[in-house]
Amino acid sequence: MASITIRNLDDEVKTRLRVRAAEHHRSMEEEARVILRDAVVPKPSSRNLASIIRSHFGPANGVDLELPPREPGREPPSFD
């Protein structure tokens, strides 16, 4: 694991970090790790598959498919 040193941190920021860490029952070091991890790790998409496909292949991206005309559906079976 790598480590970093943060110099010239404002006293107010350090105080807020200490308070936040205490609220989460963590050390200041662990709280800083969590904050940094949340800031740089990509979040999974909350979009559904249909919206993702539409965003890649929809009319806004130059793909405008013409839908074939609909035909009448079959009659449901009779159970008389």
PDB file of N, CA and C in Angstrom:
ATOM      1  N   MET A   1       0.836  -1.173   0.000  1.00  0.00           N
ATOM      2  CA  MET A   1       0.000   0.000   0.000  1.00  0.00           C
ATOM      3  C   MET A   1       0.883   1.240   0.000  1.00  0.00           C
ATOM      4  N   ALA A   2       0.419   2.241  -0.709  1.00  0.00           N
ATOM      5  CA  ALA A   2       1.139   3.508  -0.770  1.00  0.00           C
ATOM      6  C   ALA A   2       0.696   4.426   0.363  1.00  0.00           C
ATOM      7  N   SER A   3       1.497   5.422   0.635  1.00  0.00           N
ATOM      8  CA  SER A   3       1.112   6.418   1.632  1.00  0.00           C
ATOM      9  C   SER A   3       1.400   7.805   1.080  1.00  0.00           C
ATOM     10  N   ILE A   4       0.664   8.803   1.590  1.00  0.00           N
ATOM     11  CA  ILE A   4       0.889  10.186   1.178  1.00  0.00           C
ATOM     12  C   ILE A   4       0.929  11.064   2.420  1.00  0.00           C
ATOM     13  N   THR A   5       1.551  12.214   2.277  1.00  0.00           N
ATOM     14  CA  THR A   5       1.571  13.220   3.325  1.00  0.00           C
ATOM     15  C   THR A   5       0.909  14.464   2.766  1.00  0.00           C
ATOM     16  N   ILE A   6       0.017  15.053   3.527  1.00  0.00           N
ATOM     17  CA  ILE A   6      -0.663  16.271   3.082  1.00  0.00           C
ATOM     18  C   ILE A   6      -0.138  17.420   3.923  1.00  0.00           C
ATOM     19  N   ARG A   7       0.562  18.322   3.267  1.00  0.00           N
ATOM     20  CA  ARG A   7       1.136  19.479   3.952  1.00  0.00           C
ATOM     21  C   ARG A   7       0.203  20.678   3.804  1.00  0.00           C
ATOM     22  N   ASN A   8       0.373  21.639   4.694  1.00  0.00           N
ATOM     23  CA  ASN A   8      -0.349  22.913   4.654  1.00  0.00           C
ATOM     24  C   ASN A   8      -1.862  22.737   4.681  1.00  0.00           C
ATOM     25  N   LEU A   9      -2.335  21.801   5.463  1.00  0.00           N
ATOM     26  CA  LEU A   9      -3.766  21.574   5.624  1.00  0.00           C
ATOM     27  C   LEU A   9      -4.297  22.608   6.609  1.00  0.00           C
ATOM     28  N   ASP A  10      -5.350  23.304   6.231  1.00  0.00           N
ATOM     29  CA  ASP A  10      -5.940  24.316   7.113  1.00  0.00           C
ATOM     30  C   ASP A  10      -6.383  23.663   8.420  1.00  0.00           C
ATOM     31  N   ASP A  11      -6.236  24.408   9.508  1.00  0.00           N
ATOM     32  CA  ASP A  11      -6.665  23.903  10.813  1.00  0.00           C
ATOM     33  C   ASP A  11      -8.158  23.582  10.817  1.00  0.00           C
ATOM     34  N   GLU A  12      -8.957  24.395  10.149  1.00  0.00           N
ATOM     35  CA  GLU A  12     -10.405  24.177  10.098  1.00  0.00           C
ATOM     36  C   GLU A  12     -10.733  22.859   9.390  1.00  0.00           C
ATOM     37  N   VAL A  13     -10.004  22.568   8.303  1.00  0.00           N
ATOM     38  CA  VAL A  13     -10.225  21.318   7.574  1.00  0.00           C
ATOM     39  C   VAL A  13      -9.857  20.133   8.454  1.00  0.00           C
ATOM     40  N   LYS A  14      -8.751  20.236   9.171  1.00  0.00           N
ATOM     41  CA  LYS A  14      -8.327  19.156  10.054  1.00  0.00           C
ATOM     42  C   LYS A  14      -9.349  18.939  11.168  1.00  0.00           C
ATOM     43  N   THR A  15      -9.865  20.024  11.717  1.00  0.00           N
ATOM     44  CA  THR A  15     -10.875  19.922  12.769  1.00  0.00           C
ATOM     45  C   THR A  15     -12.133  19.242  12.247  1.00  0.00           C
ATOM     46  N   ARG A  16     -12.579  19.650  11.060  1.00  0.00           N
ATOM     47  CA  ARG A  16     -13.782  19.044  10.472  1.00  0.00           C
ATOM     48  C   ARG A  16     -13.557  17.560  10.162  1.00  0.00           C
ATOM     49  N   LEU A  17     -12.355  17.221   9.720  1.00  0.00           N
ATOM     50  CA  LEU A  17     -12.035  15.819   9.454  1.00  0.00           C
ATOM     51  C   LEU A  17     -12.071  15.008  10.751  1.00  0.00           C
ATOM     52  N   ARG A  18     -11.525  15.574  11.819  1.00  0.00           N
ATOM     53  CA  ARG A  18     -11.526  14.883  13.109  1.00  0.00           C
ATOM     54  C   ARG A  18     -12.961  14.667  13.609  1.00  0.00           C
ATOM     55  N   VAL A  19     -13.810  15.685  13.470  1.00  0.00           N
ATOM     56  CA  VAL A  19     -15.204  15.572  13.900  1.00  0.00           C
ATOM     57  C   VAL A  19     -15.941  14.538  13.050  1.00  0.00           C
ATOM     58  N   ARG A  20     -15.734  14.604  11.735  1.00  0.00           N
ATOM     59  CA  ARG A  20     -16.393  13.649  10.829  1.00  0.00           C
ATOM     60  C   ARG A  20     -15.953  12.214  11.153  1.00  0.00           C
ATOM     61  N   ALA A  21     -14.667  12.037  11.386  1.00  0.00           N
ATOM     62  CA  ALA A  21     -14.148  10.703  11.726  1.00  0.00           C
ATOM     63  C   ALA A  21     -14.786  10.194  13.016  1.00  0.00           C
ATOM     64  N   ALA A  22     -14.912  11.061  13.993  1.00  0.00           N
ATOM     65  CA  ALA A  22     -15.523  10.658  15.263  1.00  0.00           C
ATOM     66  C   ALA A  22     -16.996  10.279  15.065  1.00  0.00           C
ATOM     67  N   GLU A  23     -17.695  11.022  14.213  1.00  0.00           N
ATOM     68  CA  GLU A  23     -19.103  10.711  13.946  1.00  0.00           C
ATOM     69  C   GLU A  23     -19.263   9.335  13.300  1.00  0.00           C
ATOM     70  N   HIS A  24     -18.261   8.938  12.525  1.00  0.00           N
ATOM     71  CA  HIS A  24     -18.310   7.639  11.850  1.00  0.00           C
ATOM     72  C   HIS A  24     -17.543   6.555  12.613  1.00  0.00           C
ATOM     73  N   HIS A  25     -17.088   6.880  13.810  1.00  0.00           N
ATOM     74  CA  HIS A  25     -16.341   5.930  14.656  1.00  0.00           C
ATOM     75  C   HIS A  25     -15.108   5.389  13.933  1.00  0.00           C
ATOM     76  N   ARG A  26     -14.374   6.315  13.296  1.00  0.00           N
ATOM     77  CA  ARG A  26     -13.150   5.941  12.580  1.00  0.00           C
ATOM     78  C   ARG A  26     -12.019   6.869  13.003  1.00  0.00           C
ATOM     79  N   SER A  27     -10.817   6.451  12.697  1.00  0.00           N
ATOM     80  CA  SER A  27      -9.676   7.336  12.903  1.00  0.00           C
ATOM     81  C   SER A  27      -9.683   8.395  11.803  1.00  0.00           C
ATOM     82  N   MET A  28      -8.949   9.471  12.021  1.00  0.00           N
ATOM     83  CA  MET A  28      -8.852  10.509  10.990  1.00  0.00           C
ATOM     84  C   MET A  28      -8.218   9.936   9.722  1.00  0.00           C
ATOM     85  N   GLU A  29      -7.257   9.071   9.893  1.00  0.00           N
ATOM     86  CA  GLU A  29      -6.584   8.467   8.746  1.00  0.00           C
ATOM     87  C   GLU A  29      -7.555   7.610   7.924  1.00  0.00           C
ATOM     88  N   GLU A  30      -8.353   6.801   8.612  1.00  0.00           N
ATOM     89  CA  GLU A  30      -9.329   5.963   7.908  1.00  0.00           C
ATOM     90  C   GLU A  30     -10.393   6.828   7.234  1.00  0.00           C
ATOM     91  N   GLU A  31     -10.813   7.888   7.915  1.00  0.00           N
ATOM     92  CA  GLU A  31     -11.816   8.785   7.329  1.00  0.00           C
ATOM     93  C   GLU A  31     -11.266   9.433   6.064  1.00  0.00           C
ATOM     94  N   ALA A  32     -10.014   9.843   6.079  1.00  0.00           N
ATOM     95  CA  ALA A  32      -9.393  10.436   4.883  1.00  0.00           C
ATOM     96  C   ALA A  32      -9.328   9.406   3.755  1.00  0.00           C
ATOM     97  N   ARG A  33      -9.003   8.147   4.097  1.00  0.00           N
ATOM     98  CA  ARG A  33      -8.978   7.093   3.067  1.00  0.00           C
ATOM     99  C   ARG A  33     -10.350   6.906   2.436  1.00  0.00           C
ATOM    100  N   VAL A  34     -11.389   6.884   3.267  1.00  0.00           N
ATOM    101  CA  VAL A  34     -12.753   6.700   2.763  1.00  0.00           C
ATOM    102  C   VAL A  34     -13.139   7.863   1.851  1.00  0.00           C
ATOM    103  N   ILE A  35     -12.837   9.072   2.269  1.00  0.00           N
ATOM    104  CA  ILE A  35     -13.164  10.253   1.456  1.00  0.00           C
ATOM    105  C   ILE A  35     -12.443  10.198   0.119  1.00  0.00           C
ATOM    106  N   LEU A  36     -11.164   9.890   0.132  1.00  0.00           N
ATOM    107  CA  LEU A  36     -10.398   9.812  -1.117  1.00  0.00           C
ATOM    108  C   LEU A  36     -10.898   8.684  -2.005  1.00  0.00           C
ATOM    109  N   ARG A  37     -11.173   7.522  -1.412  1.00  0.00           N
ATOM    110  CA  ARG A  37     -11.682   6.385  -2.197  1.00  0.00           C
ATOM    111  C   ARG A  37     -13.006   6.744  -2.866  1.00  0.00           C
ATOM    112  N   ASP A  38     -13.918   7.348  -2.109  1.00  0.00           N
ATOM    113  CA  ASP A  38     -15.217   7.736  -2.674  1.00  0.00           C
ATOM    114  C   ASP A  38     -15.072   8.770  -3.789  1.00  0.00           C
ATOM    115  N   ALA A  39     -14.042   9.607  -3.681  1.00  0.00           N
ATOM    116  CA  ALA A  39     -13.850  10.664  -4.676  1.00  0.00           C
ATOM    117  C   ALA A  39     -13.282  10.144  -5.994  1.00  0.00           C
ATOM    118  N   VAL A  40     -12.519   9.064  -5.967  1.00  0.00           N
ATOM    119  CA  VAL A  40     -11.837   8.631  -7.192  1.00  0.00           C
ATOM    120  C   VAL A  40     -12.306   7.309  -7.773  1.00  0.00           C
ATOM    121  N   VAL A  41     -13.017   6.492  -7.001  1.00  0.00           N
ATOM    122  CA  VAL A  41     -13.492   5.206  -7.518  1.00  0.00           C
ATOM    123  C   VAL A  41     -14.777   5.439  -8.307  1.00  0.00           C
ATOM    124  N   PRO A  42     -14.840   4.962  -9.561  1.00  0.00           N
ATOM    125  CA  PRO A  42     -16.051   5.177 -10.350  1.00  0.00           C
ATOM    126  C   PRO A  42     -17.247   4.461  -9.733  1.00  0.00           C
ATOM    127  N   LYS A  43     -18.376   5.119  -9.787  1.00  0.00           N
ATOM    128  CA  LYS A  43     -19.613   4.557  -9.254  1.00  0.00           C
ATOM    129  C   LYS A  43     -20.306   3.730 -10.335  1.00  0.00           C
ATOM    130  N   PRO A  44     -20.945   2.630  -9.965  1.00  0.00           N
ATOM    131  CA  PRO A  44     -21.701   1.868 -10.956  1.00  0.00           C
ATOM    132  C   PRO A  44     -22.867   2.711 -11.472  1.00  0.00           C
ATOM    133  N   SER A  45     -23.191   2.505 -12.725  1.00  0.00           N
ATOM    134  CA  SER A  45     -24.262   3.267 -13.340  1.00  0.00           C
ATOM    135  C   SER A  45     -25.609   2.841 -12.774  1.00  0.00           C
ATOM    136  N   SER A  46     -26.435   3.829 -12.493  1.00  0.00           N
ATOM    137  CA  SER A  46     -27.777   3.515 -12.008  1.00  0.00           C
ATOM    138  C   SER A  46     -28.776   3.483 -13.159  1.00  0.00           C
ATOM    139  N   ARG A  47     -28.287   3.707 -14.378  1.00  0.00           N
ATOM    140  CA  ARG A  47     -29.189   3.684 -15.522  1.00  0.00           C
ATOM    141  C   ARG A  47     -29.508   2.240 -15.891  1.00  0.00           C
ATOM    142  N   ASN A  48     -30.685   2.042 -16.450  1.00  0.00           N
ATOM    143  CA  ASN A  48     -31.043   0.691 -16.865  1.00  0.00           C
ATOM    144  C   ASN A  48     -30.523   0.417 -18.276  1.00  0.00           C
ATOM    145  N   LEU A  49     -30.598  -0.817 -18.689  1.00  0.00           N
ATOM    146  CA  LEU A  49     -30.037  -1.232 -19.968  1.00  0.00           C
ATOM    147  C   LEU A  49     -30.673  -0.485 -21.133  1.00  0.00           C
ATOM    148  N   ALA A  50     -31.980  -0.293 -21.102  1.00  0.00           N
ATOM    149  CA  ALA A  50     -32.661   0.387 -22.206  1.00  0.00           C
ATOM    150  C   ALA A  50     -32.147   1.813 -22.380  1.00  0.00           C
ATOM    151  N   SER A  51     -31.953   2.542 -21.289  1.00  0.00           N
ATOM    152  CA  SER A  51     -31.475   3.917 -21.414  1.00  0.00           C
ATOM    153  C   SER A  51     -30.022   3.965 -21.877  1.00  0.00           C
ATOM    154  N   ILE A  52     -29.217   2.988 -21.492  1.00  0.00           N
ATOM    155  CA  ILE A  52     -27.831   2.932 -21.959  1.00  0.00           C
ATOM    156  C   ILE A  52     -27.795   2.682 -23.457  1.00  0.00           C
ATOM    157  N   ILE A  53     -28.594   1.725 -23.944  1.00  0.00           N
ATOM    158  CA  ILE A  53     -28.645   1.434 -25.384  1.00  0.00           C
ATOM    159  C   ILE A  53     -29.142   2.652 -26.140  1.00  0.00           C
ATOM    160  N   ARG A  54     -30.194   3.292 -25.619  1.00  0.00           N
ATOM    161  CA  ARG A  54     -30.743   4.482 -26.276  1.00  0.00           C
ATOM    162  C   ARG A  54     -29.701   5.594 -26.350  1.00  0.00           C
ATOM    163  N   SER A  55     -28.892   5.736 -25.321  1.00  0.00           N
ATOM    164  CA  SER A  55     -27.887   6.802 -25.325  1.00  0.00           C
ATOM    165  C   SER A  55     -26.793   6.549 -26.362  1.00  0.00           C
ATOM    166  N   HIS A  56     -26.565   5.280 -26.707  1.00  0.00           N
ATOM    167  CA  HIS A  56     -25.542   4.955 -27.701  1.00  0.00           C
ATOM    168  C   HIS A  56     -26.086   4.880 -29.120  1.00  0.00           C
ATOM    169  N   PHE A  57     -27.320   4.413 -29.255  1.00  0.00           N
ATOM    170  CA  PHE A  57     -27.843   4.125 -30.583  1.00  0.00           C
ATOM    171  C   PHE A  57     -29.111   4.889 -30.923  1.00  0.00           C
ATOM    172  N   GLY A  58     -29.514   5.836 -30.133  1.00  0.00           N
ATOM    173  CA  GLY A  58     -30.757   6.568 -30.367  1.00  0.00           C
ATOM    174  C   GLY A  58     -30.620   7.610 -31.455  1.00  0.00           C
ATOM    175  N   PRO A  59     -31.723   8.295 -31.765  1.00  0.00           N
ATOM    176  CA  PRO A  59     -31.728   9.317 -32.817  1.00  0.00           C
ATOM    177  C   PRO A  59     -30.719  10.432 -32.553  1.00  0.00           C
ATOM    178  N   ALA A  60     -30.435  10.732 -31.309  1.00  0.00           N
ATOM    179  CA  ALA A  60     -29.476  11.795 -30.996  1.00  0.00           C
ATOM    180  C   ALA A  60     -28.059  11.431 -31.441  1.00  0.00           C
ATOM    181  N   ASN A  61     -27.795  10.143 -31.676  1.00  0.00           N
ATOM    182  CA  ASN A  61     -26.461   9.701 -32.079  1.00  0.00           C
ATOM    183  C   ASN A  61     -26.415   9.239 -33.532  1.00  0.00           C
ATOM    184  N   GLY A  62     -27.366   9.686 -34.329  1.00  0.00           N
ATOM    185  CA  GLY A  62     -27.329   9.382 -35.757  1.00  0.00           C
ATOM    186  C   GLY A  62     -27.930   8.051 -36.146  1.00  0.00           C
ATOM    187  N   VAL A  63     -28.548   7.343 -35.252  1.00  0.00           N
ATOM    188  CA  VAL A  63     -29.173   6.066 -35.576  1.00  0.00           C
ATOM    189  C   VAL A  63     -30.679   6.255 -35.417  1.00  0.00           C
ATOM    190  N   ASP A  64     -31.360   6.318 -36.533  1.00  0.00           N
ATOM    191  CA  ASP A  64     -32.802   6.505 -36.514  1.00  0.00           C
ATOM    192  C   ASP A  64     -33.415   5.420 -37.386  1.00  0.00           C
ATOM    193  N   LEU A  65     -33.811   4.333 -36.774  1.00  0.00           N
ATOM    194  CA  LEU A  65     -34.348   3.203 -37.518  1.00  0.00           C
ATOM    195  C   LEU A  65     -35.828   3.401 -37.782  1.00  0.00           C
ATOM    196  N   GLU A  66     -36.223   3.028 -38.979  1.00  0.00           N
ATOM    197  CA  GLU A  66     -37.634   3.104 -39.308  1.00  0.00           C
ATOM    198  C   GLU A  66     -38.294   1.799 -38.881  1.00  0.00           C
ATOM    199  N   LEU A  67     -39.356   1.916 -38.141  1.00  0.00           N
ATOM    200  CA  LEU A  67     -40.038   0.731 -37.655  1.00  0.00           C
ATOM    201  C   LEU A  67     -40.966   0.187 -38.736  1.00  0.00           C
ATOM    202  N   PRO A  68     -41.009  -1.128 -38.918  1.00  0.00           N
ATOM    203  CA  PRO A  68     -41.928  -1.705 -39.907  1.00  0.00           C
ATOM    204  C   PRO A  68     -43.364  -1.517 -39.433  1.00  0.00           C
ATOM    205  N   PRO A  69     -44.297  -1.473 -40.371  1.00  0.00           N
ATOM    206  CA  PRO A  69     -45.694  -1.315 -39.957  1.00  0.00           C
ATOM    207  C   PRO A  69     -46.148  -2.526 -39.155  1.00  0.00           C
ATOM    208  N   ARG A  70     -47.013  -2.295 -38.223  1.00  0.00           N
ATOM    209  CA  ARG A  70     -47.533  -3.387 -37.396  1.00  0.00           C
ATOM    210  C   ARG A  70     -48.635  -4.110 -38.140  1.00  0.00           C
ATOM    211  N   GLU A  71     -48.655  -5.392 -37.935  1.00  0.00           N
ATOM    212  CA  GLU A  71     -49.706  -6.211 -38.522  1.00  0.00           C
ATOM    213  C   GLU A  71     -50.690  -6.576 -37.422  1.00  0.00           C
ATOM    214  N   PRO A  72     -51.913  -6.848 -37.811  1.00  0.00           N
ATOM    215  CA  PRO A  72     -52.861  -7.246 -36.771  1.00  0.00           C
ATOM    216  C   PRO A  72     -52.397  -8.534 -36.096  1.00  0.00           C
ATOM    217  N   GLY A  73     -52.650  -8.621 -34.819  1.00  0.00           N
ATOM    218  CA  GLY A  73     -52.252  -9.799 -34.058  1.00  0.00           C
ATOM    219  C   GLY A  73     -53.182 -10.973 -34.320  1.00  0.00           C
ATOM    220  N   ARG A  74     -52.778 -12.130 -33.867  1.00  0.00           N
ATOM    221  CA  ARG A  74     -53.612 -13.320 -34.013  1.00  0.00           C
ATOM    222  C   ARG A  74     -54.786 -13.241 -33.056  1.00  0.00           C
ATOM    223  N   GLU A  75     -55.834 -13.894 -33.417  1.00  0.00           N
ATOM    224  CA  GLU A  75     -57.001 -14.009 -32.544  1.00  0.00           C
ATOM    225  C   GLU A  75     -56.644 -14.981 -31.418  1.00  0.00           C
ATOM    226  N   PRO A  76     -57.046 -14.680 -30.223  1.00  0.00           N
ATOM    227  CA  PRO A  76     -56.768 -15.625 -29.143  1.00  0.00           C
ATOM    228  C   PRO A  76     -57.559 -16.904 -29.349  1.00  0.00           C
ATOM    229  N   PRO A  77     -57.028 -18.027 -28.901  1.00  0.00           N
ATOM    230  CA  PRO A  77     -57.745 -19.297 -29.066  1.00  0.00           C
ATOM    231  C   PRO A  77     -59.050 -19.295 -28.262  1.00  0.00           C
ATOM    232  N   SER A  78     -60.014 -19.977 -28.815  1.00  0.00           N
ATOM    233  CA  SER A  78     -61.310 -20.089 -28.144  1.00  0.00           C
ATOM    234  C   SER A  78     -61.334 -21.404 -27.371  1.00  0.00           C
ATOM    235  N   PHE A  79     -61.733 -21.339 -26.117  1.00  0.00           N
ATOM    236  CA  PHE A  79     -61.781 -22.529 -25.265  1.00  0.00           C
ATOM    237  C   PHE A  79     -63.233 -22.918 -24.956  1.00  0.00           C
ATOM    238  N   ASP A  80     -64.091 -22.751 -25.945  1.00  0.00           N
ATOM    239  CA  ASP A  80     -65.516 -23.101 -25.747  1.00  0.00           C
ATOM    240  C   ASP A  80     -65.719 -24.576 -25.735  1.00  0.00           C
TER     241      ASP A  80
END
